[in-house]
C-alpha atoms as a PDB file:
ATOM      1  CA  MET A   1      45.791 110.499  56.322  1.00  0.00           C
ATOM      2  CA  LEU A   2      44.168 114.048  55.755  1.00  0.00           C
ATOM      3  CA  ASP A   3      44.030 116.839  52.937  1.00  0.00           C
ATOM      4  CA  TYR A   4      45.646 119.947  54.814  1.00  0.00           C
ATOM      5  CA  TYR A   5      44.413 123.460  53.968  1.00  0.00           C
ATOM      6  CA  PHE A   6      45.790 126.642  55.098  1.00  0.00           C
ATOM      7  CA  ILE A   7      43.255 129.778  54.190  1.00  0.00           C
ATOM      8  CA  THR A   8      43.523 133.338  54.935  1.00  0.00           C
ATOM      9  CA  GLY A   9      40.500 135.536  55.532  1.00  0.00           C
ATOM     10  CA  THR A  10      38.113 133.009  56.573  1.00  0.00           C
ATOM     11  CA  SER A  11      35.702 135.161  58.472  1.00  0.00           C
ATOM     12  CA  SER A  12      33.621 136.057  55.625  1.00  0.00           C
ATOM     13  CA  GLY A  13      33.250 135.935  51.834  1.00  0.00           C
ATOM     14  CA  LEU A  14      35.117 133.550  49.893  1.00  0.00           C
ATOM     15  CA  GLY A  15      37.358 132.412  52.484  1.00  0.00           C
ATOM     16  CA  TYR A  16      34.373 131.617  54.924  1.00  0.00           C
ATOM     17  CA  ALA A  17      32.567 129.585  51.629  1.00  0.00           C
ATOM     18  CA  LEU A  18      35.518 127.848  50.979  1.00  0.00           C
ATOM     19  CA  THR A  19      36.193 126.454  54.648  1.00  0.00           C
ATOM     20  CA  LYS A  20      32.227 125.611  54.715  1.00  0.00           C
ATOM     21  CA  GLN A  21      32.728 123.662  51.765  1.00  0.00           C
ATOM     22  CA  LEU A  22      35.990 122.062  52.650  1.00  0.00           C
ATOM     23  CA  THR A  23      35.243 121.163  56.277  1.00  0.00           C
ATOM     24  CA  ASN A  24      32.165 119.344  54.825  1.00  0.00           C
ATOM     25  CA  ILE A  25      34.387 116.216  53.969  1.00  0.00           C
ATOM     26  CA  LYS A  26      35.690 114.474  57.210  1.00  0.00           C
ATOM     27  CA  ASN A  27      39.191 113.793  55.575  1.00  0.00           C
ATOM     28  CA  ASN A  28      39.871 117.716  55.085  1.00  0.00           C
ATOM     29  CA  PHE A  29      41.286 119.696  57.803  1.00  0.00           C
ATOM     30  CA  VAL A  30      41.389 123.424  57.702  1.00  0.00           C
ATOM     31  CA  ILE A  31      43.763 126.049  59.277  1.00  0.00           C
ATOM     32  CA  GLY A  32      42.196 129.304  59.130  1.00  0.00           C
ATOM     33  CA  PHE A  33      43.818 132.604  59.412  1.00  0.00           C
ATOM     34  CA  ALA A  34      41.533 135.669  60.328  1.00  0.00           C
ATOM     35  CA  ARG A  35      41.294 138.201  62.996  1.00  0.00           C
ATOM     36  CA  HIS A  36      37.850 137.003  63.989  1.00  0.00           C
ATOM     37  CA  LEU A  37      36.566 133.628  64.577  1.00  0.00           C
ATOM     38  CA  GLU A  38      33.442 133.215  62.608  1.00  0.00           C
ATOM     39  CA  PHE A  39      33.724 129.125  62.062  1.00  0.00           C
ATOM     40  CA  GLU A  40      33.836 126.348  64.596  1.00  0.00           C
ATOM     41  CA  ARG A  41      33.995 122.646  63.469  1.00  0.00           C
ATOM     42  CA  SER A  42      36.140 119.754  64.473  1.00  0.00           C
ATOM     43  CA  ASN A  43      38.112 119.705  61.550  1.00  0.00           C
ATOM     44  CA  TYR A  44      38.777 123.407  61.655  1.00  0.00           C
ATOM     45  CA  SER A  45      41.675 125.208  63.694  1.00  0.00           C
ATOM     46  CA  HIS A  46      41.856 129.299  63.953  1.00  0.00           C
ATOM     47  CA  LYS A  47      44.660 131.314  64.046  1.00  0.00           C
ATOM     48  CA  HIS A  48      44.228 134.931  65.171  1.00  0.00           C
ATOM     49  CA  ILE A  49      46.209 136.746  62.766  1.00  0.00           C
ATOM     50  CA  ASP A  50      46.219 140.370  61.583  1.00  0.00           C
ATOM     51  CA  LEU A  51      47.426 140.324  58.200  1.00  0.00           C
ATOM     52  CA  SER A  52      48.175 144.036  58.198  1.00  0.00           C
ATOM     53  CA  SER A  53      50.531 143.525  60.826  1.00  0.00           C
ATOM     54  CA  VAL A  54      54.067 142.275  59.610  1.00  0.00           C
ATOM     55  CA  VAL A  55      55.290 141.190  62.769  1.00  0.00           C
ATOM     56  CA  ASN A  56      52.210 138.756  63.300  1.00  0.00           C
ATOM     57  CA  VAL A  57      52.868 137.415  59.804  1.00  0.00           C
ATOM     58  CA  LEU A  58      56.571 137.082  60.385  1.00  0.00           C
ATOM     59  CA  ASN A  59      56.094 135.158  63.840  1.00  0.00           C
ATOM     60  CA  TYR A  60      53.878 132.700  62.289  1.00  0.00           C
ATOM     61  CA  ASP A  61      55.411 129.102  61.584  1.00  0.00           C
ATOM     62  CA  PHE A  62      53.551 126.609  59.534  1.00  0.00           C
ATOM     63  CA  PRO A  63      53.258 123.565  61.598  1.00  0.00           C
ATOM     64  CA  ASN A  64      55.321 119.936  61.237  1.00  0.00           C
ATOM     65  CA  ILE A  65      52.553 117.598  59.538  1.00  0.00           C
ATOM     66  CA  ASN A  66      53.134 113.902  60.073  1.00  0.00           C
ATOM     67  CA  ASN A  67      49.738 112.666  58.381  1.00  0.00           C
ATOM     68  CA  ALA A  68      49.374 114.333  55.134  1.00  0.00           C
ATOM     69  CA  LYS A  69      48.001 113.353  51.968  1.00  0.00           C
ATOM     70  CA  SER A  70      48.551 116.867  50.380  1.00  0.00           C
ATOM     71  CA  ILE A  71      48.885 120.304  51.579  1.00  0.00           C
ATOM     72  CA  THR A  72      47.609 123.555  50.339  1.00  0.00           C
ATOM     73  CA  LEU A  73      47.906 127.267  50.852  1.00  0.00           C
ATOM     74  CA  ILE A  74      45.128 129.412  49.755  1.00  0.00           C
ATOM     75  CA  ASN A  75      46.022 133.053  50.005  1.00  0.00           C
ATOM     76  CA  ASN A  76      42.402 134.417  49.895  1.00  0.00           C
ATOM     77  CA  ALA A  77      42.399 137.280  52.521  1.00  0.00           C
ATOM     78  CA  ALA A  78      42.042 140.943  50.442  1.00  0.00           C
ATOM     79  CA  VAL A  79      41.009 144.267  51.111  1.00  0.00           C
ATOM     80  CA  LEU A  80      39.621 146.897  48.544  1.00  0.00           C
ATOM     81  CA  GLY A  81      41.145 149.747  50.645  1.00  0.00           C
ATOM     82  CA  GLU A  82      40.422 153.278  50.642  1.00  0.00           C
ATOM     83  CA  ILE A  83      39.030 154.078  47.490  1.00  0.00           C
ATOM     84  CA  ASP A  84      40.084 157.571  46.136  1.00  0.00           C
ATOM     85  CA  TYR A  85      42.613 159.039  43.938  1.00  0.00           C
ATOM     86  CA  ILE A  86      46.171 158.713  44.497  1.00  0.00           C
ATOM     87  CA  GLY A  87      47.504 161.868  46.418  1.00  0.00           C
ATOM     88  CA  ASN A  88      44.295 162.060  48.325  1.00  0.00           C
ATOM     89  CA  LEU A  89      45.026 158.621  50.127  1.00  0.00           C
ATOM     90  CA  SER A  90      45.550 157.903  53.742  1.00  0.00           C
ATOM     91  CA  ASP A  91      49.136 156.545  54.152  1.00  0.00           C
ATOM     92  CA  ASP A  92      48.508 154.485  56.927  1.00  0.00           C
ATOM     93  CA  ARG A  93      45.431 152.828  54.747  1.00  0.00           C
ATOM     94  CA  LEU A  94      47.526 152.127  51.740  1.00  0.00           C
ATOM     95  CA  ALA A  95      50.119 150.792  53.546  1.00  0.00           C
ATOM     96  CA  SER A  96      47.649 148.299  55.296  1.00  0.00           C
ATOM     97  CA  THR A  97      46.206 147.281  51.971  1.00  0.00           C
ATOM     98  CA  LEU A  98      49.408 146.758  50.577  1.00  0.00           C
ATOM     99  CA  LEU A  99      50.416 144.541  53.596  1.00  0.00           C
ATOM    100  CA  VAL A 100      47.468 142.420  53.574  1.00  0.00           C
ATOM    101  CA  ASN A 101      46.998 142.017  49.678  1.00  0.00           C
ATOM    102  CA  LEU A 102      50.583 141.668  48.418  1.00  0.00           C
ATOM    103  CA  VAL A 103      53.400 141.496  51.567  1.00  0.00           C
ATOM    104  CA  ALA A 104      51.531 138.975  53.815  1.00  0.00           C
ATOM    105  CA  PRO A 105      50.880 136.389  50.760  1.00  0.00           C
ATOM    106  CA  ILE A 106      54.164 136.729  49.747  1.00  0.00           C
ATOM    107  CA  ILE A 107      55.733 136.236  53.020  1.00  0.00           C
ATOM    108  CA  LEU A 108      53.403 133.176  53.654  1.00  0.00           C
ATOM    109  CA  CYS A 109      54.037 131.617  50.211  1.00  0.00           C
ATOM    110  CA  ASN A 110      58.009 131.877  51.046  1.00  0.00           C
ATOM    111  CA  LYS A 111      57.258 130.130  54.873  1.00  0.00           C
ATOM    112  CA  PHE A 112      55.175 127.599  53.294  1.00  0.00           C
ATOM    113  CA  MET A 113      57.917 126.655  50.360  1.00  0.00           C
ATOM    114  CA  ARG A 114      60.480 126.547  52.706  1.00  0.00           C
ATOM    115  CA  LYS A 115      58.828 124.472  55.518  1.00  0.00           C
ATOM    116  CA  TYR A 116      57.341 121.636  53.253  1.00  0.00           C
ATOM    117  CA  LYS A 117      59.730 121.680  50.113  1.00  0.00           C
ATOM    118  CA  THR A 118      61.440 118.562  51.284  1.00  0.00           C
ATOM    119  CA  ILE A 119      57.958 116.550  51.959  1.00  0.00           C
ATOM    120  CA  GLU A 120      57.001 114.539  49.087  1.00  0.00           C
ATOM    121  CA  LEU A 121      53.292 114.821  48.425  1.00  0.00           C
ATOM    122  CA  PRO A 122      50.877 117.399  46.424  1.00  0.00           C
ATOM    123  CA  LYS A 123      51.790 120.623  47.379  1.00  0.00           C
ATOM    124  CA  THR A 124      49.510 123.483  45.972  1.00  0.00           C
ATOM    125  CA  ILE A 125      49.337 127.412  46.365  1.00  0.00           C
ATOM    126  CA  ILE A 126      46.376 129.213  45.334  1.00  0.00           C
ATOM    127  CA  ASN A 127      46.772 133.150  45.144  1.00  0.00           C
ATOM    128  CA  ILE A 128      43.453 134.773  44.612  1.00  0.00           C
ATOM    129  CA  GLY A 129      43.975 137.161  42.185  1.00  0.00           C
ATOM    130  CA  SER A 130      41.585 139.655  40.359  1.00  0.00           C
ATOM    131  CA  GLY A 131      40.781 141.063  37.082  1.00  0.00           C
ATOM    132  CA  ALA A 132      41.778 144.239  38.609  1.00  0.00           C
ATOM    133  CA  SER A 133      45.165 143.096  38.028  1.00  0.00           C
ATOM    134  CA  LYS A 134      45.074 143.862  34.428  1.00  0.00           C
ATOM    135  CA  SER A 135      42.424 146.942  34.589  1.00  0.00           C
ATOM    136  CA  PRO A 136      43.640 150.350  35.950  1.00  0.00           C
ATOM    137  CA  TYR A 137      40.561 151.356  37.908  1.00  0.00           C
ATOM    138  CA  ASP A 138      40.519 154.943  38.872  1.00  0.00           C
ATOM    139  CA  GLY A 139      40.544 155.129  42.971  1.00  0.00           C
ATOM    140  CA  TRP A 140      41.809 151.417  43.270  1.00  0.00           C
ATOM    141  CA  GLY A 141      45.573 152.124  42.922  1.00  0.00           C
ATOM    142  CA  ALA A 142      46.507 150.017  46.023  1.00  0.00           C
ATOM    143  CA  TYR A 143      44.348 147.280  44.956  1.00  0.00           C
ATOM    144  CA  CYS A 144      45.113 147.095  41.218  1.00  0.00           C
ATOM    145  CA  ALA A 145      48.579 147.452  42.173  1.00  0.00           C
ATOM    146  CA  SER A 146      48.815 144.775  44.603  1.00  0.00           C
ATOM    147  CA  LYS A 147      46.866 142.181  42.728  1.00  0.00           C
ATOM    148  CA  ALA A 148      49.260 142.741  39.878  1.00  0.00           C
ATOM    149  CA  GLY A 149      52.096 142.250  41.853  1.00  0.00           C
ATOM    150  CA  LEU A 150      50.716 138.848  43.462  1.00  0.00           C
ATOM    151  CA  GLU A 151      49.973 137.738  40.005  1.00  0.00           C
ATOM    152  CA  MET A 152      53.437 138.521  38.681  1.00  0.00           C
ATOM    153  CA  PHE A 153      55.106 136.535  41.719  1.00  0.00           C
ATOM    154  CA  SER A 154      52.915 133.461  41.310  1.00  0.00           C
ATOM    155  CA  ASP A 155      54.557 133.475  37.783  1.00  0.00           C
ATOM    156  CA  ILE A 156      57.632 133.557  39.424  1.00  0.00           C
ATOM    157  CA  ILE A 157      57.119 131.160  41.587  1.00  0.00           C
ATOM    158  CA  HIS A 158      56.142 128.827  38.640  1.00  0.00           C
ATOM    159  CA  LYS A 159      59.029 129.872  36.763  1.00  0.00           C
ATOM    160  CA  GLU A 160      61.420 128.732  39.392  1.00  0.00           C
ATOM    161  CA  GLN A 161      59.438 125.321  39.731  1.00  0.00           C
ATOM    162  CA  GLU A 162      60.307 124.792  36.155  1.00  0.00           C
ATOM    163  CA  ILE A 163      64.019 125.261  36.902  1.00  0.00           C
ATOM    164  CA  VAL A 164      64.305 123.531  40.395  1.00  0.00           C
ATOM    165  CA  ASP A 165      61.094 121.450  40.992  1.00  0.00           C
ATOM    166  CA  THR A 166      60.386 121.125  44.628  1.00  0.00           C
ATOM    167  CA  GLY A 167      57.274 120.135  44.065  1.00  0.00           C
ATOM    168  CA  PHE A 168      55.121 122.986  44.230  1.00  0.00           C
ATOM    169  CA  ARG A 169      51.915 123.593  42.043  1.00  0.00           C
ATOM    170  CA  ILE A 170      50.720 127.342  41.611  1.00  0.00           C
ATOM    171  CA  HIS A 171      47.662 129.169  40.419  1.00  0.00           C
ATOM    172  CA  ASN A 172      46.688 132.756  40.735  1.00  0.00           C
ATOM    173  CA  ILE A 173      43.174 132.590  40.160  1.00  0.00           C
ATOM    174  CA  ALA A 174      40.470 135.599  39.466  1.00  0.00           C
ATOM    175  CA  PRO A 175      37.322 134.636  41.130  1.00  0.00           C
ATOM    176  CA  GLY A 176      35.148 136.866  39.165  1.00  0.00           C
ATOM    177  CA  VAL A 177      32.935 139.040  40.664  1.00  0.00           C
ATOM    178  CA  VAL A 178      31.816 137.566  43.968  1.00  0.00           C
ATOM    179  CA  ASP A 179      28.862 138.788  46.103  1.00  0.00           C
ATOM    180  CA  THR A 180      31.092 139.948  49.093  1.00  0.00           C
ATOM    181  CA  LYS A 181      31.064 142.908  51.486  1.00  0.00           C
ATOM    182  CA  MET A 182      33.626 144.179  49.152  1.00  0.00           C
ATOM    183  CA  GLN A 183      31.027 144.466  46.314  1.00  0.00           C
ATOM    184  CA  ASP A 184      28.632 146.575  49.017  1.00  0.00           C
ATOM    185  CA  ASP A 185      31.635 148.899  49.589  1.00  0.00           C
ATOM    186  CA  ILE A 186      32.377 149.653  46.010  1.00  0.00           C
ATOM    187  CA  ARG A 187      28.466 150.236  45.448  1.00  0.00           C
ATOM    188  CA  ASN A 188      28.419 152.777  48.295  1.00  0.00           C
ATOM    189  CA  THR A 189      31.297 154.848  46.751  1.00  0.00           C
ATOM    190  CA  SER A 190      31.258 158.485  45.855  1.00  0.00           C
ATOM    191  CA  SER A 191      31.222 158.506  41.661  1.00  0.00           C
ATOM    192  CA  ASN A 192      33.797 161.328  42.151  1.00  0.00           C
ATOM    193  CA  LYS A 193      36.185 158.844  43.748  1.00  0.00           C
ATOM    194  CA  PHE A 194      35.555 155.882  41.584  1.00  0.00           C
ATOM    195  CA  SER A 195      34.082 156.742  37.771  1.00  0.00           C
ATOM    196  CA  ARG A 196      33.044 153.067  37.199  1.00  0.00           C
ATOM    197  CA  MET A 197      30.896 152.480  40.117  1.00  0.00           C
ATOM    198  CA  ASP A 198      27.426 152.562  38.121  1.00  0.00           C
ATOM    199  CA  LYS A 199      29.051 149.298  36.602  1.00  0.00           C
ATOM    200  CA  PHE A 200      28.999 147.517  39.879  1.00  0.00           C
ATOM    201  CA  VAL A 201      25.554 148.553  40.897  1.00  0.00           C
ATOM    202  CA  GLU A 202      24.393 147.257  37.409  1.00  0.00           C
ATOM    203  CA  LEU A 203      25.962 143.674  38.008  1.00  0.00           C
ATOM    204  CA  LYS A 204      23.966 143.535  41.381  1.00  0.00           C
ATOM    205  CA  GLU A 205      20.698 144.698  40.159  1.00  0.00           C
ATOM    206  CA  GLN A 206      20.874 142.272  37.110  1.00  0.00           C
ATOM    207  CA  ASN A 207      21.911 139.365  39.530  1.00  0.00           C
ATOM    208  CA  LYS A 208      25.331 138.753  37.791  1.00  0.00           C
ATOM    209  CA  LEU A 209      27.672 138.360  40.765  1.00  0.00           C
ATOM    210  CA  TYR A 210      28.752 135.053  41.738  1.00  0.00           C
ATOM    211  CA  SER A 211      27.945 133.420  45.038  1.00  0.00           C
ATOM    212  CA  PRO A 212      30.764 132.734  47.388  1.00  0.00           C
ATOM    213  CA  ASP A 213      29.885 129.304  47.588  1.00  0.00           C
ATOM    214  CA  ASP A 214      29.928 128.270  43.777  1.00  0.00           C
ATOM    215  CA  VAL A 215      33.219 130.042  43.413  1.00  0.00           C
ATOM    216  CA  ALA A 216      34.702 128.186  46.173  1.00  0.00           C
ATOM    217  CA  LEU A 217      33.313 124.658  44.540  1.00  0.00           C
ATOM    218  CA  GLU A 218      34.954 125.655  41.606  1.00  0.00           C
ATOM    219  CA  ILE A 219      38.381 126.559  43.024  1.00  0.00           C
ATOM    220  CA  ILE A 220      38.356 123.377  45.128  1.00  0.00           C
ATOM    221  CA  ARG A 221      37.733 121.517  42.039  1.00  0.00           C
ATOM    222  CA  ILE A 222      40.778 123.256  40.410  1.00  0.00           C
ATOM    223  CA  ILE A 223      42.967 122.081  43.310  1.00  0.00           C
ATOM    224  CA  GLN A 224      41.785 118.478  43.844  1.00  0.00           C
ATOM    225  CA  ASP A 225      42.071 117.981  39.791  1.00  0.00           C
ATOM    226  CA  PRO A 226      45.643 119.065  38.468  1.00  0.00           C
ATOM    227  CA  SER A 227      44.509 118.824  34.595  1.00  0.00           C
ATOM    228  CA  ALA A 228      41.413 121.118  35.291  1.00  0.00           C
ATOM    229  CA  ILE A 229      43.530 124.001  34.361  1.00  0.00           C
ATOM    230  CA  ASP A 230      47.302 124.091  32.380  1.00  0.00           C
ATOM    231  CA  THR A 231      48.070 127.864  33.261  1.00  0.00           C
ATOM    232  CA  VAL A 232      49.120 129.768  35.885  1.00  0.00           C
ATOM    233  CA  SER A 233      46.727 132.809  36.059  1.00  0.00           C
ATOM    234  CA  HIS A 234      43.126 131.724  35.500  1.00  0.00           C
ATOM    235  CA  ARG A 235      39.708 133.659  35.607  1.00  0.00           C
ATOM    236  CA  ILE A 236      36.933 131.480  36.835  1.00  0.00           C
ATOM    237  CA  GLU A 237      33.773 132.082  34.673  1.00  0.00           C
ATOM    238  CA  LEU A 238      30.467 130.757  35.810  1.00  0.00           C
ATOM    239  CA  ILE A 239      27.363 130.433  33.644  1.00  0.00           C
ATOM    240  CA  LYS A 240      24.753 132.784  34.990  1.00  0.00           C
END
């Protein structure tokens, strides 16, 4: 019997760290979604999917699983998108950001729950959120809006499970400020497109960014221990 994990965005950052940590355990099997394959292990299977393509996402079907001890979906993939003020954004990049951050995870949640709702075993959905869902950062319109939408969608799944319980546990987890390429992009932004850029430069200079591996381990702990948190939305706070 295996613990199955479906993870989006496994080619870098937190998704890569989650995949690495989970596949260190032989009874885990990870199915990763990304445009690029950056990881190879015997208990890892890769799906080349561009989450900015609605067709790609709609055409994906979760597999039948007969030897599962538990099944988990981690909607991790996200893009910051173009940093600039509303009215100056590229329509194409705006649409792409919303597709990756909000539309794709909503569709995958729906497909995941439809496929496995009659299977009686632990079933968990982890949507990776952001503190930006509650903070209107200038220049981050699409990112903030998409993360706020994903948090509300997670709340709705939880509410529906209270009414018609099909056995799914749902959490929207904000990982804190993680040292990934997204942080590099933020620090390289012009201050006239994002007024709080200096704050993120300071976090890096003062070594206050979380490592992807440390955050991954905390998310795995939450998945494996249902008593770890008792709220839908949760922000990871690691001691630095």
